[in-house]
Amino acid sequence: MPKSPAERKAAQRARQAASGEKKLELKLDSQEVEMLAQNCAARRPGREPYTLNEYITMLIRKDAAELAQQLEELAKRQCGKCGDRLPVASCPCQGDSQCWATSGWLETKLNITP
């Protein structure tokens, strides 16, 4: 007997979960949706625009690569207070102006440049 639509959908969800895929819901305002659509097309001039999923997943992978490189550069430095290799996640000296844990996170946060 053929599977019902609900059974097929449940099987699809199970396959996706087994492969590590996760479905996310994303809330964007109209300006963000417009920027996203424009960027999907502008990144592939003369070709079919990226799908929203392709574009967002590539942004995630691009950011992960940039962050890995940034963390590799940070690892060459030490905290000015305790001498631990950066990045320091927690430190008993946190709060001291020389401690990287006090304000070092500013070096790794996402920035929007004009």
C-alpha atoms as a PDB file:
ATOM      1  CA  MET A   1       0.000   0.000   0.000  1.00  0.00           C
ATOM      2  CA  PRO A   2       1.418   3.451  -0.918  1.00  0.00           C
ATOM      3  CA  LYS A   3       2.407   5.834   1.832  1.00  0.00           C
ATOM      4  CA  SER A   4       0.187   8.758   2.709  1.00  0.00           C
ATOM      5  CA  PRO A   5       1.492  12.311   2.197  1.00  0.00           C
ATOM      6  CA  ALA A   6       1.965  12.633   5.971  1.00  0.00           C
ATOM      7  CA  GLU A   7       4.014   9.416   6.054  1.00  0.00           C
ATOM      8  CA  ARG A   8       6.164  10.550   3.110  1.00  0.00           C
ATOM      9  CA  LYS A   9       6.771  13.902   4.805  1.00  0.00           C
ATOM     10  CA  ALA A  10       7.676  12.182   8.095  1.00  0.00           C
ATOM     11  CA  ALA A  11      10.124   9.930   6.219  1.00  0.00           C
ATOM     12  CA  GLN A  12      11.658  12.990   4.512  1.00  0.00           C
ATOM     13  CA  ARG A  13      12.095  14.745   7.877  1.00  0.00           C
ATOM     14  CA  ALA A  14      13.702  11.620   9.326  1.00  0.00           C
ATOM     15  CA  ARG A  15      16.179  11.430   6.403  1.00  0.00           C
ATOM     16  CA  GLN A  16      17.032  15.111   6.787  1.00  0.00           C
ATOM     17  CA  ALA A  17      17.528  14.750  10.540  1.00  0.00           C
ATOM     18  CA  ALA A  18      19.721  11.684  10.025  1.00  0.00           C
ATOM     19  CA  SER A  19      21.902  13.618   7.555  1.00  0.00           C
ATOM     20  CA  GLY A  20      22.270  16.527  10.002  1.00  0.00           C
ATOM     21  CA  GLU A  21      20.098  18.982   8.097  1.00  0.00           C
ATOM     22  CA  LYS A  22      18.100  21.429  10.161  1.00  0.00           C
ATOM     23  CA  LYS A  23      15.310  23.667   8.997  1.00  0.00           C
ATOM     24  CA  LEU A  24      15.421  27.222  10.334  1.00  0.00           C
ATOM     25  CA  GLU A  25      12.811  29.925  10.242  1.00  0.00           C
ATOM     26  CA  LEU A  26      14.224  33.350   9.488  1.00  0.00           C
ATOM     27  CA  LYS A  27      12.381  36.634  10.060  1.00  0.00           C
ATOM     28  CA  LEU A  28      13.504  39.491   7.832  1.00  0.00           C
ATOM     29  CA  ASP A  29      12.050  42.940   7.342  1.00  0.00           C
ATOM     30  CA  SER A  30      11.148  44.124   3.850  1.00  0.00           C
ATOM     31  CA  GLN A  31      14.430  46.019   3.441  1.00  0.00           C
ATOM     32  CA  GLU A  32      16.447  42.908   4.334  1.00  0.00           C
ATOM     33  CA  VAL A  33      14.424  40.766   1.911  1.00  0.00           C
ATOM     34  CA  GLU A  34      15.073  43.315  -0.849  1.00  0.00           C
ATOM     35  CA  MET A  35      18.809  43.426  -0.076  1.00  0.00           C
ATOM     36  CA  LEU A  36      18.956  39.627  -0.059  1.00  0.00           C
ATOM     37  CA  ALA A  37      17.203  39.324  -3.417  1.00  0.00           C
ATOM     38  CA  GLN A  38      19.422  42.009  -4.953  1.00  0.00           C
ATOM     39  CA  ASN A  39      22.590  40.354  -3.641  1.00  0.00           C
ATOM     40  CA  CYS A  40      21.526  36.917  -4.864  1.00  0.00           C
ATOM     41  CA  ALA A  41      21.268  38.349  -8.374  1.00  0.00           C
ATOM     42  CA  ALA A  42      24.269  40.712  -8.182  1.00  0.00           C
ATOM     43  CA  ARG A  43      26.620  37.910  -7.117  1.00  0.00           C
ATOM     44  CA  ARG A  44      25.794  36.000 -10.342  1.00  0.00           C
ATOM     45  CA  PRO A  45      25.505  38.571 -13.131  1.00  0.00           C
ATOM     46  CA  GLY A  46      24.308  37.108 -16.396  1.00  0.00           C
ATOM     47  CA  ARG A  47      23.350  33.841 -14.702  1.00  0.00           C
ATOM     48  CA  GLU A  48      20.484  32.488 -12.664  1.00  0.00           C
ATOM     49  CA  PRO A  49      20.546  34.217  -9.239  1.00  0.00           C
ATOM     50  CA  TYR A  50      21.544  32.221  -6.191  1.00  0.00           C
ATOM     51  CA  THR A  51      18.635  30.768  -4.278  1.00  0.00           C
ATOM     52  CA  LEU A  52      18.103  32.253  -0.829  1.00  0.00           C
ATOM     53  CA  ASN A  53      19.270  29.001   0.731  1.00  0.00           C
ATOM     54  CA  GLU A  54      22.455  28.874  -1.385  1.00  0.00           C
ATOM     55  CA  TYR A  55      23.306  32.482  -0.624  1.00  0.00           C
ATOM     56  CA  ILE A  56      22.763  32.236   3.138  1.00  0.00           C
ATOM     57  CA  THR A  57      24.667  28.954   3.458  1.00  0.00           C
ATOM     58  CA  MET A  58      27.587  30.441   1.521  1.00  0.00           C
ATOM     59  CA  LEU A  59      27.598  33.474   3.823  1.00  0.00           C
ATOM     60  CA  ILE A  60      27.745  31.147   6.833  1.00  0.00           C
ATOM     61  CA  ARG A  61      30.657  29.191   5.338  1.00  0.00           C
ATOM     62  CA  LYS A  62      32.466  32.401   4.326  1.00  0.00           C
ATOM     63  CA  ASP A  63      32.110  33.797   7.863  1.00  0.00           C
ATOM     64  CA  ALA A  64      33.310  30.509   9.379  1.00  0.00           C
ATOM     65  CA  ALA A  65      36.443  30.605   7.212  1.00  0.00           C
ATOM     66  CA  GLU A  66      37.123  34.250   8.079  1.00  0.00           C
ATOM     67  CA  LEU A  67      36.611  33.561  11.790  1.00  0.00           C
ATOM     68  CA  ALA A  68      38.955  30.558  11.705  1.00  0.00           C
ATOM     69  CA  GLN A  69      41.633  32.730  10.119  1.00  0.00           C
ATOM     70  CA  GLN A  70      41.040  35.478  12.677  1.00  0.00           C
ATOM     71  CA  LEU A  71      41.272  33.010  15.585  1.00  0.00           C
ATOM     72  CA  GLU A  72      44.492  31.610  14.111  1.00  0.00           C
ATOM     73  CA  GLU A  73      45.979  35.122  14.127  1.00  0.00           C
ATOM     74  CA  LEU A  74      44.741  35.746  17.680  1.00  0.00           C
ATOM     75  CA  ALA A  75      46.396  32.506  18.851  1.00  0.00           C
ATOM     76  CA  LYS A  76      49.771  34.088  18.090  1.00  0.00           C
ATOM     77  CA  ARG A  77      49.144  36.685  20.815  1.00  0.00           C
ATOM     78  CA  GLN A  78      48.811  36.574  24.589  1.00  0.00           C
ATOM     79  CA  CYS A  79      46.621  38.282  27.167  1.00  0.00           C
ATOM     80  CA  GLY A  80      48.316  41.409  28.491  1.00  0.00           C
ATOM     81  CA  LYS A  81      47.409  40.521  32.071  1.00  0.00           C
ATOM     82  CA  CYS A  82      47.608  36.740  32.564  1.00  0.00           C
ATOM     83  CA  GLY A  83      49.754  35.802  29.564  1.00  0.00           C
ATOM     84  CA  ASP A  84      47.326  33.115  28.336  1.00  0.00           C
ATOM     85  CA  ARG A  85      47.152  32.493  24.596  1.00  0.00           C
ATOM     86  CA  LEU A  86      44.257  34.273  22.892  1.00  0.00           C
ATOM     87  CA  PRO A  87      41.341  34.081  22.639  1.00  0.00           C
ATOM     88  CA  VAL A  88      40.737  33.909  26.392  1.00  0.00           C
ATOM     89  CA  ALA A  89      37.160  32.793  27.140  1.00  0.00           C
ATOM     90  CA  SER A  90      37.307  33.424  30.865  1.00  0.00           C
ATOM     91  CA  CYS A  91      39.946  34.833  33.155  1.00  0.00           C
ATOM     92  CA  PRO A  92      40.151  35.714  36.854  1.00  0.00           C
ATOM     93  CA  CYS A  93      41.601  39.065  35.718  1.00  0.00           C
ATOM     94  CA  GLN A  94      38.511  39.927  33.644  1.00  0.00           C
ATOM     95  CA  GLY A  95      37.560  43.512  34.327  1.00  0.00           C
ATOM     96  CA  ASP A  96      41.181  44.670  34.356  1.00  0.00           C
ATOM     97  CA  SER A  97      41.861  46.982  31.421  1.00  0.00           C
ATOM     98  CA  GLN A  98      44.942  44.934  30.425  1.00  0.00           C
ATOM     99  CA  CYS A  99      43.023  41.635  30.338  1.00  0.00           C
ATOM    100  CA  TRP A 100      41.951  40.528  26.865  1.00  0.00           C
ATOM    101  CA  ALA A 101      38.775  38.939  28.260  1.00  0.00           C
ATOM    102  CA  THR A 102      37.559  42.399  29.313  1.00  0.00           C
ATOM    103  CA  SER A 103      37.197  43.848  25.836  1.00  0.00           C
ATOM    104  CA  GLY A 104      38.892  41.405  23.465  1.00  0.00           C
ATOM    105  CA  TRP A 105      35.554  40.095  22.270  1.00  0.00           C
ATOM    106  CA  LEU A 106      35.306  43.329  20.299  1.00  0.00           C
ATOM    107  CA  GLU A 107      37.978  41.888  17.983  1.00  0.00           C
ATOM    108  CA  THR A 108      35.845  38.853  17.114  1.00  0.00           C
ATOM    109  CA  LYS A 109      32.334  40.305  17.021  1.00  0.00           C
ATOM    110  CA  LEU A 110      30.498  40.755  13.738  1.00  0.00           C
ATOM    111  CA  ASN A 111      30.806  44.268  12.386  1.00  0.00           C
ATOM    112  CA  ILE A 112      28.713  46.032   9.811  1.00  0.00           C
ATOM    113  CA  THR A 113      30.848  48.485   7.906  1.00  0.00           C
ATOM    114  CA  PRO A 114      29.241  51.303   5.952  1.00  0.00           C
END
